[in-house]
């Protein structure tokens, strides 16, 4: 594998853009980073082949002299090859949440016996299973499965699709996923195929409860919404509108200090708190209509 090359030197903040500009043509990518507040900045570039260090050194020396600055010390060296498969595995290890075993395509071992495997390629969509809010919702879903029959599920702000997929694997019922980001929906649709739930889970881009599919397919006896606290509070009347009588809502994306605000907004709509799940600073609320 042919190594990448790195060039680097430090200059004052005010002139960092000027130095980056004079070396930009010698590298494939150039960037500047603050090393200390109000202090020196790092100018760093990467190249696919060994750059002409002598020429780069001459250019930055000339610029430094014209600005009345000392000549920066230039580093030119090859970068060690990166095993991206191993790096990805280490950065995104499998996550076990109750019976759910969440993993990426880089995990080649079998799903542990008795677990429900969810292969999630989050990419640019929220929901890889690592965040406490996702884990809280998955735990709530699994607990609900032990005591509640569900016939129709809405995953509002579905991201990668992970919560809807979990519900589909537990109850084997229709699930509708909505997200305002079309890219997230594309990723979720790919994930649905990977998890063989694409016949149960329908995914559409849309602006929350205003998405036409929400009204056409409701009401829902389970609504999942892992968003943020303030949007959850604002959307409480719309959630009530689409929740079936006696239905359940699992809400997260909120900090402990935001619990009362979100709960109060839904209590005004006639929902009552059944249970809360706390993981670190984050909370998932289970409410019933």
Protein backbone atom coordinates (compact mmCIF):
# COMPACT_ATOMS: atom_id res chain seq x y z
CA UNK A 1 0.00 0.00 0.00
CA UNK A 2 1.46 3.36 -1.05
CA UNK A 3 1.72 5.65 1.99
CA UNK A 4 0.18 9.08 2.27
CA UNK A 5 2.50 11.97 3.07
CA UNK A 6 2.10 14.76 5.62
CA UNK A 7 3.53 18.24 5.70
CA UNK A 8 3.16 20.44 8.77
CA UNK A 9 4.44 23.66 10.31
CA UNK A 10 3.31 26.29 12.79
CA UNK A 11 2.66 30.00 12.23
CA UNK A 12 0.77 32.80 14.01
CA UNK A 13 -3.01 32.77 13.64
CA UNK A 14 -3.21 35.98 11.59
CA UNK A 15 -1.04 34.62 8.76
CA UNK A 16 -2.11 30.94 8.77
CA UNK A 17 -4.42 31.40 5.72
CA UNK A 18 -1.57 32.99 3.73
CA UNK A 19 0.79 30.08 4.41
CA UNK A 20 -1.93 27.54 3.65
CA UNK A 21 -2.49 29.22 0.30
CA UNK A 22 1.17 29.08 -0.80
CA UNK A 23 1.48 25.32 -0.13
CA UNK A 24 -2.00 24.29 -1.27
CA UNK A 25 -0.87 23.36 -4.80
CA UNK A 26 1.65 20.82 -3.42
CA UNK A 27 -0.82 18.69 -1.46
CA UNK A 28 -4.17 16.96 -1.95
CA UNK A 29 -5.72 18.58 1.13
CA UNK A 30 -4.78 21.46 3.39
CA UNK A 31 -6.14 22.54 6.77
CA UNK A 32 -5.33 24.85 9.66
CA UNK A 33 -5.88 24.17 13.37
CA UNK A 34 -5.64 26.33 16.45
CA UNK A 35 -3.06 24.88 18.85
CA UNK A 36 -3.73 27.30 21.70
CA UNK A 37 -6.13 30.18 22.10
CA UNK A 38 -4.56 33.36 20.78
CA UNK A 39 -1.35 31.46 19.94
CA UNK A 40 0.17 29.46 17.12
CA UNK A 41 -1.76 27.59 14.45
CA UNK A 42 -0.83 24.34 12.73
CA UNK A 43 -0.83 24.32 8.93
CA UNK A 44 -1.15 20.69 7.83
CA UNK A 45 -1.40 19.09 4.41
CA UNK A 46 -1.64 15.55 3.07
CA UNK A 47 -0.45 14.25 -0.30
CA UNK A 48 -0.78 10.96 -2.16
CA UNK A 49 2.87 11.06 -3.24
CA UNK A 50 6.01 12.45 -1.63
CA UNK A 51 5.78 16.24 -1.90
CA UNK A 52 8.69 18.44 -2.96
CA UNK A 53 9.88 19.42 0.51
CA UNK A 54 12.64 21.68 -0.75
CA UNK A 55 10.29 23.72 -2.87
CA UNK A 56 7.69 23.98 -0.10
CA UNK A 57 10.36 25.05 2.40
CA UNK A 58 11.56 27.74 0.00
CA UNK A 59 8.04 29.10 -0.50
CA UNK A 60 7.25 29.35 3.19
CA UNK A 61 10.68 30.86 3.91
CA UNK A 62 10.13 33.58 1.32
CA UNK A 63 6.66 34.35 2.68
CA UNK A 64 7.94 34.42 6.26
CA UNK A 65 10.71 36.85 5.31
CA UNK A 66 8.25 39.14 3.54
CA UNK A 67 6.13 39.23 6.70
CA UNK A 68 9.08 39.77 9.01
CA UNK A 69 8.62 36.37 10.65
CA UNK A 70 11.16 33.63 11.45
CA UNK A 71 11.17 30.71 9.03
CA UNK A 72 8.78 27.98 10.25
CA UNK A 73 10.15 24.48 10.90
CA UNK A 74 8.72 22.25 8.16
CA UNK A 75 7.96 18.56 8.72
CA UNK A 76 7.59 16.26 5.69
CA UNK A 77 7.07 12.58 6.44
CA UNK A 78 5.07 9.54 5.30
CA UNK A 79 1.98 8.51 7.23
CA UNK A 80 1.62 4.95 8.47
CA UNK A 81 -0.94 2.95 6.43
CA UNK A 82 -4.32 2.64 8.20
CA UNK A 83 -6.24 -0.62 8.39
CA UNK A 84 -9.67 0.96 7.90
CA UNK A 85 -11.56 -2.27 8.62
CA UNK A 86 -9.88 -2.64 12.00
CA UNK A 87 -10.22 1.08 12.71
CA UNK A 88 -13.95 0.98 11.97
CA UNK A 89 -14.40 -2.09 14.14
CA UNK A 90 -12.65 -0.40 17.06
CA UNK A 91 -14.54 2.88 16.61
CA UNK A 92 -17.98 1.26 16.22
CA UNK A 93 -18.01 -2.00 18.19
CA UNK A 94 -21.23 -4.01 18.50
CA UNK A 95 -23.68 -2.75 21.14
CA UNK A 96 -25.94 -5.01 23.17
CA UNK A 97 -29.13 -3.50 24.57
CA UNK A 98 -31.25 -6.14 26.26
CA UNK A 99 -31.98 -8.72 23.56
CA UNK A 100 -30.96 -6.35 20.78
CA UNK A 101 -27.48 -6.84 19.33
CA UNK A 102 -26.62 -3.85 17.15
CA UNK A 103 -23.69 -4.10 14.77
CA UNK A 104 -22.29 -2.79 11.51
CA UNK A 105 -21.29 -4.71 8.39
CA UNK A 106 -17.69 -4.90 9.68
CA UNK A 107 -18.82 -7.29 12.43
CA UNK A 108 -18.51 -10.74 10.87
CA UNK A 109 -19.23 -12.97 13.87
CA UNK A 110 -22.69 -14.53 14.36
CA UNK A 111 -25.29 -12.72 16.42
CA UNK A 112 -25.20 -14.18 19.95
CA UNK A 113 -27.76 -16.89 20.64
CA UNK A 114 -31.07 -15.52 21.88
CA UNK A 115 -30.37 -12.00 20.60
CA UNK A 116 -32.19 -9.97 17.95
CA UNK A 117 -29.58 -8.78 15.49
CA UNK A 118 -29.90 -5.29 14.01
CA UNK A 119 -27.36 -4.35 11.37
CA UNK A 120 -27.22 -0.57 11.26
CA UNK A 121 -25.07 1.46 8.89
CA UNK A 122 -25.79 4.89 10.37
CA UNK A 123 -23.52 6.89 8.03
CA UNK A 124 -25.11 10.37 7.92
CA UNK A 125 -28.26 9.35 9.82
CA UNK A 126 -28.73 9.47 13.59
CA UNK A 127 -29.08 6.13 15.35
CA UNK A 128 -26.17 3.68 15.52
CA UNK A 129 -27.20 2.27 18.90
CA UNK A 130 -24.35 3.87 20.82
CA UNK A 131 -26.21 6.87 22.23
CA UNK A 132 -28.01 6.60 25.55
CA UNK A 133 -31.26 7.93 24.07
CA UNK A 134 -31.38 5.14 21.49
CA UNK A 135 -30.55 2.56 24.13
CA UNK A 136 -33.23 3.89 26.45
CA UNK A 137 -35.85 3.66 23.72
CA UNK A 138 -34.83 0.12 22.75
CA UNK A 139 -35.01 -0.97 26.39
CA UNK A 140 -38.47 0.56 26.68
CA UNK A 141 -39.62 -1.16 23.48
CA UNK A 142 -38.42 -4.54 24.71
CA UNK A 143 -40.15 -4.08 28.07
CA UNK A 144 -43.38 -3.02 26.37
CA UNK A 145 -43.30 -6.15 24.22
CA UNK A 146 -43.61 -8.25 27.36
CA UNK A 147 -46.98 -6.72 28.30
CA UNK A 148 -48.49 -4.87 25.32
CA UNK A 149 -49.93 -5.97 22.01
CA UNK A 150 -49.13 -3.54 19.22
CA UNK A 151 -50.75 -3.42 15.79
CA UNK A 152 -49.48 -0.20 14.21
CA UNK A 153 -46.27 1.73 14.94
CA UNK A 154 -45.04 5.21 14.05
CA UNK A 155 -41.33 6.05 14.33
CA UNK A 156 -41.27 9.86 14.21
CA UNK A 157 -37.83 11.24 13.34
CA UNK A 158 -36.63 7.75 12.47
CA UNK A 159 -33.02 8.54 11.52
CA UNK A 160 -31.29 5.28 10.63
CA UNK A 161 -34.51 3.38 11.33
CA UNK A 162 -33.21 1.48 14.34
CA UNK A 163 -36.20 1.97 16.65
CA UNK A 164 -38.76 1.07 14.01
CA UNK A 165 -36.76 -2.01 13.06
CA UNK A 166 -36.65 -3.08 16.69
CA UNK A 167 -40.44 -2.75 16.95
CA UNK A 168 -40.93 -4.66 13.68
CA UNK A 169 -38.72 -7.51 14.85
CA UNK A 170 -40.57 -7.81 18.16
CA UNK A 171 -44.21 -7.43 17.09
CA UNK A 172 -44.06 -8.19 13.34
CA UNK A 173 -46.52 -5.40 12.58
CA UNK A 174 -46.58 -2.46 10.12
CA UNK A 175 -44.21 0.37 11.04
CA UNK A 176 -44.12 3.84 9.48
CA UNK A 177 -40.89 5.82 9.72
CA UNK A 178 -40.80 9.57 9.02
CA UNK A 179 -37.77 11.87 8.96
CA UNK A 180 -37.36 15.44 7.75
CA UNK A 181 -33.97 14.55 6.23
CA UNK A 182 -34.26 12.72 2.85
CA UNK A 183 -30.70 11.36 3.24
CA UNK A 184 -31.69 9.68 6.50
CA UNK A 185 -34.63 8.04 4.74
CA UNK A 186 -32.37 6.70 1.99
CA UNK A 187 -30.05 5.21 4.61
CA UNK A 188 -32.98 3.82 6.61
CA UNK A 189 -34.41 2.13 3.51
CA UNK A 190 -31.06 0.46 2.87
CA UNK A 191 -30.93 -0.65 6.50
CA UNK A 192 -34.47 -2.04 6.26
CA UNK A 193 -33.40 -4.31 3.41
CA UNK A 194 -30.28 -5.41 5.33
CA UNK A 195 -32.48 -6.37 8.28
CA UNK A 196 -35.16 -8.01 6.15
CA UNK A 197 -37.92 -5.78 7.54
CA UNK A 198 -38.55 -3.78 4.37
CA UNK A 199 -41.93 -5.47 3.87
CA UNK A 200 -43.08 -4.31 7.34
CA UNK A 201 -41.35 -0.94 7.62
CA UNK A 202 -42.35 1.91 5.28
CA UNK A 203 -40.09 4.97 5.28
CA UNK A 204 -40.87 8.45 3.95
CA UNK A 205 -39.34 11.93 4.14
CA UNK A 206 -41.67 14.50 5.63
CA UNK A 207 -42.12 17.38 8.04
CA UNK A 208 -43.16 15.57 11.17
CA UNK A 209 -46.87 14.87 11.62
CA UNK A 210 -47.62 16.98 8.55
CA UNK A 211 -46.31 14.17 6.34
CA UNK A 212 -49.38 12.84 4.42
CA UNK A 213 -48.50 9.22 5.20
CA UNK A 214 -48.91 9.84 8.94
CA UNK A 215 -52.59 10.67 8.64
CA UNK A 216 -53.31 7.99 6.05
CA UNK A 217 -51.84 5.14 8.10
CA UNK A 218 -52.91 6.12 11.63
CA UNK A 219 -53.93 6.01 14.34
CA UNK A 220 -50.99 4.32 16.06
CA UNK A 221 -50.99 2.35 19.29
CA UNK A 222 -47.22 2.90 19.62
CA UNK A 223 -45.43 6.14 18.70
CA UNK A 224 -41.65 6.33 19.02
CA UNK A 225 -39.95 9.73 18.93
CA UNK A 226 -36.26 10.13 19.74
CA UNK A 227 -35.83 13.78 18.76
CA UNK A 228 -35.09 16.69 21.13
CA UNK A 229 -36.91 18.01 24.18
CA UNK A 230 -38.37 21.25 22.79
CA UNK A 231 -39.64 19.75 19.52
CA UNK A 232 -41.17 16.89 21.53
CA UNK A 233 -43.02 19.40 23.72
CA UNK A 234 -44.23 21.41 20.72
CA UNK A 235 -45.42 18.28 18.93
CA UNK A 236 -47.38 16.91 21.90
CA UNK A 237 -50.82 17.95 20.53
CA UNK A 238 -50.07 16.30 17.19
CA UNK A 239 -48.87 13.13 18.89
CA UNK A 240 -52.13 13.00 20.87
CA UNK A 241 -54.06 13.47 17.62
CA UNK A 242 -52.46 10.41 16.00
CA UNK A 243 -52.18 8.17 19.06
CA UNK A 244 -54.89 5.53 19.34
CA UNK A 245 -56.97 5.47 22.57
CA UNK A 246 -54.92 3.69 25.18
CA UNK A 247 -51.84 3.91 22.97
CA UNK A 248 -48.27 4.27 24.19
CA UNK A 249 -45.57 6.81 23.35
CA UNK A 250 -41.84 6.35 23.91
CA UNK A 251 -40.05 9.70 23.88
CA UNK A 252 -36.36 10.52 24.16
CA UNK A 253 -33.66 12.92 23.08
CA UNK A 254 -34.06 14.79 26.36
CA UNK A 255 -31.82 15.42 29.36
CA UNK A 256 -32.93 14.68 32.92
CA UNK A 257 -33.46 18.38 33.58
CA UNK A 258 -35.88 18.50 30.62
CA UNK A 259 -38.10 15.65 31.81
CA UNK A 260 -40.67 17.85 33.53
CA UNK A 261 -41.09 20.11 30.50
CA UNK A 262 -41.73 17.21 28.11
CA UNK A 263 -43.94 15.32 30.56
CA UNK A 264 -46.02 18.43 31.33
CA UNK A 265 -46.62 19.14 27.63
CA UNK A 266 -48.00 15.63 27.14
CA UNK A 267 -49.93 15.59 30.41
CA UNK A 268 -51.89 18.59 29.07
CA UNK A 269 -52.91 16.32 26.19
CA UNK A 270 -54.23 13.64 28.53
CA UNK A 271 -51.19 11.35 28.55
CA UNK A 272 -49.81 9.99 31.82
CA UNK A 273 -46.26 8.93 32.63
CA UNK A 274 -45.89 5.15 32.97
CA UNK A 275 -42.14 4.78 33.32
CA UNK A 276 -38.87 6.62 32.81
CA UNK A 277 -35.50 5.18 31.80
CA UNK A 278 -32.39 7.09 32.81
CA UNK A 279 -28.98 6.42 31.27
CA UNK A 280 -26.42 8.92 32.48
CA UNK A 281 -27.70 12.42 31.80
CA UNK A 282 -30.31 11.23 29.31
CA UNK A 283 -33.90 10.06 29.78
CA UNK A 284 -36.52 8.09 27.86
CA UNK A 285 -40.16 8.56 28.90
CA UNK A 286 -42.99 6.07 28.41
CA UNK A 287 -46.45 7.67 28.39
CA UNK A 288 -49.92 6.29 27.79
CA UNK A 289 -53.04 7.89 26.44
